Amino acid sequence: MNQDESLKLSNQLCFSIYACSKEIIKLYKPYLDELGLTYTQYITMLVLWEENNISVKNLGERLFLDSGTLTPLLKKLEKMGIVSRNRSELDERVMIVSLTDDGKKLKEKAKEVPYKVFCASKLSIEEGTKLKSDINHLLDKLTKE
């Protein structure tokens, strides 16, 4: 590929991934609106439903979010009454994020979301599985030193 071709938007892997991500998040929107969550709030809740009582640092690492993005997000979720933030009893420098009872109940309402979004994607199970594997492989390569 010559230099002019390499600068075409249609030849950029980053743009394909960016545009695809935007379209996938658009698929989530109507279902997340029913839950009163944004996409970023939803993925935060996914981590908490998987691992309740997690440090803000570990939560940020799991979500690939910095504290400047995560802190206002957690404050909003706390204001909504679905998470709480408290200092660790072992180390007061560590902030622990926990689900409230309402946050735990929200999990039941969210159970159908992945299925609905997958159906809306029009991918076969095989295509979805392979795509997820390929993207995870790329992510591993990009995040390993």
C-alpha atoms as a PDB file:
ATOM      1  CA  MET A   1       0.000   0.000   0.000  1.00  0.00           C
ATOM      2  CA  ASN A   2       1.468   3.370  -0.979  1.00  0.00           C
ATOM      3  CA  GLN A   3       1.498   6.348   1.378  1.00  0.00           C
ATOM      4  CA  ASP A   4      -1.552   8.015  -0.201  1.00  0.00           C
ATOM      5  CA  GLU A   5      -3.563   4.789   0.159  1.00  0.00           C
ATOM      6  CA  SER A   6      -2.442   4.422   3.766  1.00  0.00           C
ATOM      7  CA  LEU A   7      -4.003   7.796   4.564  1.00  0.00           C
ATOM      8  CA  LYS A   8      -7.468   6.919   3.261  1.00  0.00           C
ATOM      9  CA  LEU A   9     -10.055   6.770   6.011  1.00  0.00           C
ATOM     10  CA  SER A  10     -11.449   3.520   4.595  1.00  0.00           C
ATOM     11  CA  ASN A  11      -8.044   1.870   5.109  1.00  0.00           C
ATOM     12  CA  GLN A  12      -7.790   2.742   8.812  1.00  0.00           C
ATOM     13  CA  LEU A  13      -8.302  -0.125  11.260  1.00  0.00           C
ATOM     14  CA  CYS A  14      -8.824   2.410  14.051  1.00  0.00           C
ATOM     15  CA  PHE A  15     -11.702   4.052  12.188  1.00  0.00           C
ATOM     16  CA  SER A  16     -13.425   0.744  11.456  1.00  0.00           C
ATOM     17  CA  ILE A  17     -13.253  -0.180  15.141  1.00  0.00           C
ATOM     18  CA  TYR A  18     -14.380   3.310  16.218  1.00  0.00           C
ATOM     19  CA  ALA A  19     -17.360   3.388  13.838  1.00  0.00           C
ATOM     20  CA  CYS A  20     -18.356  -0.162  14.759  1.00  0.00           C
ATOM     21  CA  SER A  21     -18.173   0.667  18.462  1.00  0.00           C
ATOM     22  CA  LYS A  22     -20.446   3.671  17.967  1.00  0.00           C
ATOM     23  CA  GLU A  23     -22.985   1.549  16.078  1.00  0.00           C
ATOM     24  CA  ILE A  24     -22.951  -1.183  18.720  1.00  0.00           C
ATOM     25  CA  ILE A  25     -23.472   1.353  21.497  1.00  0.00           C
ATOM     26  CA  LYS A  26     -26.387   2.734  19.456  1.00  0.00           C
ATOM     27  CA  LEU A  27     -27.935  -0.767  19.534  1.00  0.00           C
ATOM     28  CA  TYR A  28     -27.720  -0.735  23.340  1.00  0.00           C
ATOM     29  CA  LYS A  29     -29.347   2.673  23.786  1.00  0.00           C
ATOM     30  CA  PRO A  30     -33.066   1.776  23.763  1.00  0.00           C
ATOM     31  CA  TYR A  31     -32.527  -1.087  26.201  1.00  0.00           C
ATOM     32  CA  LEU A  32     -30.313   0.965  28.506  1.00  0.00           C
ATOM     33  CA  ASP A  33     -32.765   3.862  28.403  1.00  0.00           C
ATOM     34  CA  GLU A  34     -35.306   1.480  29.961  1.00  0.00           C
ATOM     35  CA  LEU A  35     -32.813   0.877  32.793  1.00  0.00           C
ATOM     36  CA  GLY A  36     -31.954   4.566  33.135  1.00  0.00           C
ATOM     37  CA  LEU A  37     -28.293   3.916  32.298  1.00  0.00           C
ATOM     38  CA  THR A  38     -25.787   5.185  29.772  1.00  0.00           C
ATOM     39  CA  TYR A  39     -23.495   2.666  28.091  1.00  0.00           C
ATOM     40  CA  THR A  40     -20.562   3.588  30.349  1.00  0.00           C
ATOM     41  CA  GLN A  41     -22.767   3.261  33.436  1.00  0.00           C
ATOM     42  CA  TYR A  42     -23.959  -0.114  32.134  1.00  0.00           C
ATOM     43  CA  ILE A  43     -20.467  -1.551  31.686  1.00  0.00           C
ATOM     44  CA  THR A  44     -19.592  -0.275  35.159  1.00  0.00           C
ATOM     45  CA  MET A  45     -22.597  -2.124  36.544  1.00  0.00           C
ATOM     46  CA  LEU A  46     -21.563  -5.262  34.637  1.00  0.00           C
ATOM     47  CA  VAL A  47     -18.254  -5.274  36.512  1.00  0.00           C
ATOM     48  CA  LEU A  48     -20.002  -4.664  39.849  1.00  0.00           C
ATOM     49  CA  TRP A  49     -22.534  -7.450  39.236  1.00  0.00           C
ATOM     50  CA  GLU A  50     -19.566  -9.697  38.570  1.00  0.00           C
ATOM     51  CA  GLU A  51     -17.369  -8.446  41.407  1.00  0.00           C
ATOM     52  CA  ASN A  52     -19.121  -6.411  44.094  1.00  0.00           C
ATOM     53  CA  ASN A  53     -16.995  -4.427  46.579  1.00  0.00           C
ATOM     54  CA  ILE A  54     -14.216  -3.535  44.173  1.00  0.00           C
ATOM     55  CA  SER A  55     -11.666  -0.760  44.543  1.00  0.00           C
ATOM     56  CA  VAL A  56     -12.000   2.253  42.250  1.00  0.00           C
ATOM     57  CA  LYS A  57      -8.496   1.475  40.952  1.00  0.00           C
ATOM     58  CA  ASN A  58      -9.392  -2.103  39.988  1.00  0.00           C
ATOM     59  CA  LEU A  59     -12.700  -0.982  38.504  1.00  0.00           C
ATOM     60  CA  GLY A  60     -10.881   1.561  36.335  1.00  0.00           C
ATOM     61  CA  GLU A  61      -8.418  -1.097  35.179  1.00  0.00           C
ATOM     62  CA  ARG A  62     -11.220  -3.494  34.230  1.00  0.00           C
ATOM     63  CA  LEU A  63     -13.049  -0.771  32.279  1.00  0.00           C
ATOM     64  CA  PHE A  64      -9.967   0.915  30.769  1.00  0.00           C
ATOM     65  CA  LEU A  65     -11.155   4.201  32.318  1.00  0.00           C
ATOM     66  CA  ASP A  66      -9.035   6.790  34.100  1.00  0.00           C
ATOM     67  CA  SER A  67     -10.076   8.309  37.421  1.00  0.00           C
ATOM     68  CA  GLY A  68     -11.063  11.573  35.728  1.00  0.00           C
ATOM     69  CA  THR A  69     -13.786   9.684  33.851  1.00  0.00           C
ATOM     70  CA  LEU A  70     -14.611   7.129  36.531  1.00  0.00           C
ATOM     71  CA  THR A  71     -15.075   9.458  39.526  1.00  0.00           C
ATOM     72  CA  PRO A  72     -17.956  11.550  38.056  1.00  0.00           C
ATOM     73  CA  LEU A  73     -19.507   8.361  36.696  1.00  0.00           C
ATOM     74  CA  LEU A  74     -19.477   6.735  40.144  1.00  0.00           C
ATOM     75  CA  LYS A  75     -20.831   9.899  41.768  1.00  0.00           C
ATOM     76  CA  LYS A  76     -23.757   9.810  39.335  1.00  0.00           C
ATOM     77  CA  LEU A  77     -24.428   6.104  40.034  1.00  0.00           C
ATOM     78  CA  GLU A  78     -24.249   6.851  43.757  1.00  0.00           C
ATOM     79  CA  LYS A  79     -26.722   9.719  43.353  1.00  0.00           C
ATOM     80  CA  MET A  80     -29.026   7.285  41.492  1.00  0.00           C
ATOM     81  CA  GLY A  81     -28.872   5.056  44.576  1.00  0.00           C
ATOM     82  CA  ILE A  82     -27.445   1.969  42.860  1.00  0.00           C
ATOM     83  CA  VAL A  83     -23.872   2.068  44.197  1.00  0.00           C
ATOM     84  CA  SER A  84     -22.118   3.310  47.299  1.00  0.00           C
ATOM     85  CA  ARG A  85     -18.528   4.416  47.733  1.00  0.00           C
ATOM     86  CA  ASN A  86     -16.737   3.938  51.035  1.00  0.00           C
ATOM     87  CA  ARG A  87     -13.157   3.998  52.259  1.00  0.00           C
ATOM     88  CA  SER A  88     -11.571   0.608  52.804  1.00  0.00           C
ATOM     89  CA  GLU A  89     -11.313  -0.438  56.435  1.00  0.00           C
ATOM     90  CA  LEU A  90      -7.863  -1.894  55.693  1.00  0.00           C
ATOM     91  CA  ASP A  91      -6.470   1.168  53.898  1.00  0.00           C
ATOM     92  CA  GLU A  92      -8.331   4.458  54.030  1.00  0.00           C
ATOM     93  CA  ARG A  93      -6.593   5.611  50.832  1.00  0.00           C
ATOM     94  CA  VAL A  94      -8.558   2.959  48.922  1.00  0.00           C
ATOM     95  CA  MET A  95     -12.133   3.709  47.850  1.00  0.00           C
ATOM     96  CA  ILE A  96     -14.407   0.669  47.564  1.00  0.00           C
ATOM     97  CA  VAL A  97     -17.448   0.648  45.273  1.00  0.00           C
ATOM     98  CA  SER A  98     -20.373  -1.564  46.284  1.00  0.00           C
ATOM     99  CA  LEU A  99     -23.823  -2.299  44.959  1.00  0.00           C
ATOM    100  CA  THR A 100     -26.807  -1.103  46.942  1.00  0.00           C
ATOM    101  CA  ASP A 101     -29.949  -3.243  47.143  1.00  0.00           C
ATOM    102  CA  ASP A 102     -31.367  -1.242  44.217  1.00  0.00           C
ATOM    103  CA  GLY A 103     -28.169  -1.892  42.250  1.00  0.00           C
ATOM    104  CA  LYS A 104     -28.522  -5.624  42.891  1.00  0.00           C
ATOM    105  CA  LYS A 105     -32.182  -5.532  41.801  1.00  0.00           C
ATOM    106  CA  LEU A 106     -31.248  -3.728  38.589  1.00  0.00           C
ATOM    107  CA  LYS A 107     -29.305  -6.823  37.525  1.00  0.00           C
ATOM    108  CA  GLU A 108     -32.563  -8.736  37.068  1.00  0.00           C
ATOM    109  CA  LYS A 109     -33.915  -6.037  34.769  1.00  0.00           C
ATOM    110  CA  ALA A 110     -30.673  -6.040  32.743  1.00  0.00           C
ATOM    111  CA  LYS A 111     -30.465  -9.787  32.082  1.00  0.00           C
ATOM    112  CA  GLU A 112     -32.153  -9.573  28.664  1.00  0.00           C
ATOM    113  CA  VAL A 113     -29.964  -6.738  27.342  1.00  0.00           C
ATOM    114  CA  PRO A 114     -27.039  -8.818  25.967  1.00  0.00           C
ATOM    115  CA  TYR A 115     -29.406 -11.193  24.183  1.00  0.00           C
ATOM    116  CA  LYS A 116     -31.464  -8.371  22.651  1.00  0.00           C
ATOM    117  CA  VAL A 117     -28.362  -6.530  21.460  1.00  0.00           C
ATOM    118  CA  PHE A 118     -26.822  -9.695  20.016  1.00  0.00           C
ATOM    119  CA  CYS A 119     -30.030 -10.399  18.075  1.00  0.00           C
ATOM    120  CA  ALA A 120     -30.069  -6.810  16.815  1.00  0.00           C
ATOM    121  CA  SER A 121     -26.469  -7.183  15.598  1.00  0.00           C
ATOM    122  CA  LYS A 122     -27.590  -9.753  12.992  1.00  0.00           C
ATOM    123  CA  LEU A 123     -24.460 -11.832  13.637  1.00  0.00           C
ATOM    124  CA  SER A 124     -24.591 -15.598  13.876  1.00  0.00           C
ATOM    125  CA  ILE A 125     -23.335 -17.123  17.126  1.00  0.00           C
ATOM    126  CA  GLU A 126     -20.242 -18.340  15.266  1.00  0.00           C
ATOM    127  CA  GLU A 127     -19.554 -14.892  13.771  1.00  0.00           C
ATOM    128  CA  GLY A 128     -20.046 -13.202  17.151  1.00  0.00           C
ATOM    129  CA  THR A 129     -17.784 -15.681  18.931  1.00  0.00           C
ATOM    130  CA  LYS A 130     -15.009 -15.350  16.337  1.00  0.00           C
ATOM    131  CA  LEU A 131     -15.258 -11.552  16.242  1.00  0.00           C
ATOM    132  CA  LYS A 132     -15.082 -11.299  20.037  1.00  0.00           C
ATOM    133  CA  SER A 133     -12.070 -13.632  20.073  1.00  0.00           C
ATOM    134  CA  ASP A 134     -10.281 -11.603  17.365  1.00  0.00           C
ATOM    135  CA  ILE A 135     -10.971  -8.301  19.145  1.00  0.00           C
ATOM    136  CA  ASN A 136      -9.796  -9.732  22.486  1.00  0.00           C
ATOM    137  CA  HIS A 137      -6.642 -10.963  20.742  1.00  0.00           C
ATOM    138  CA  LEU A 138      -6.001  -7.456  19.378  1.00  0.00           C
ATOM    139  CA  LEU A 139      -6.683  -5.907  22.794  1.00  0.00           C
ATOM    140  CA  ASP A 140      -4.210  -8.317  24.403  1.00  0.00           C
ATOM    141  CA  LYS A 141      -1.541  -7.355  21.874  1.00  0.00           C
ATOM    142  CA  LEU A 142      -2.173  -3.640  22.420  1.00  0.00           C
ATOM    143  CA  THR A 143      -2.116  -3.819  26.221  1.00  0.00           C
ATOM    144  CA  LYS A 144       0.757  -6.235  26.786  1.00  0.00           C
ATOM    145  CA  GLU A 145       4.197  -4.711  27.084  1.00  0.00           C
END
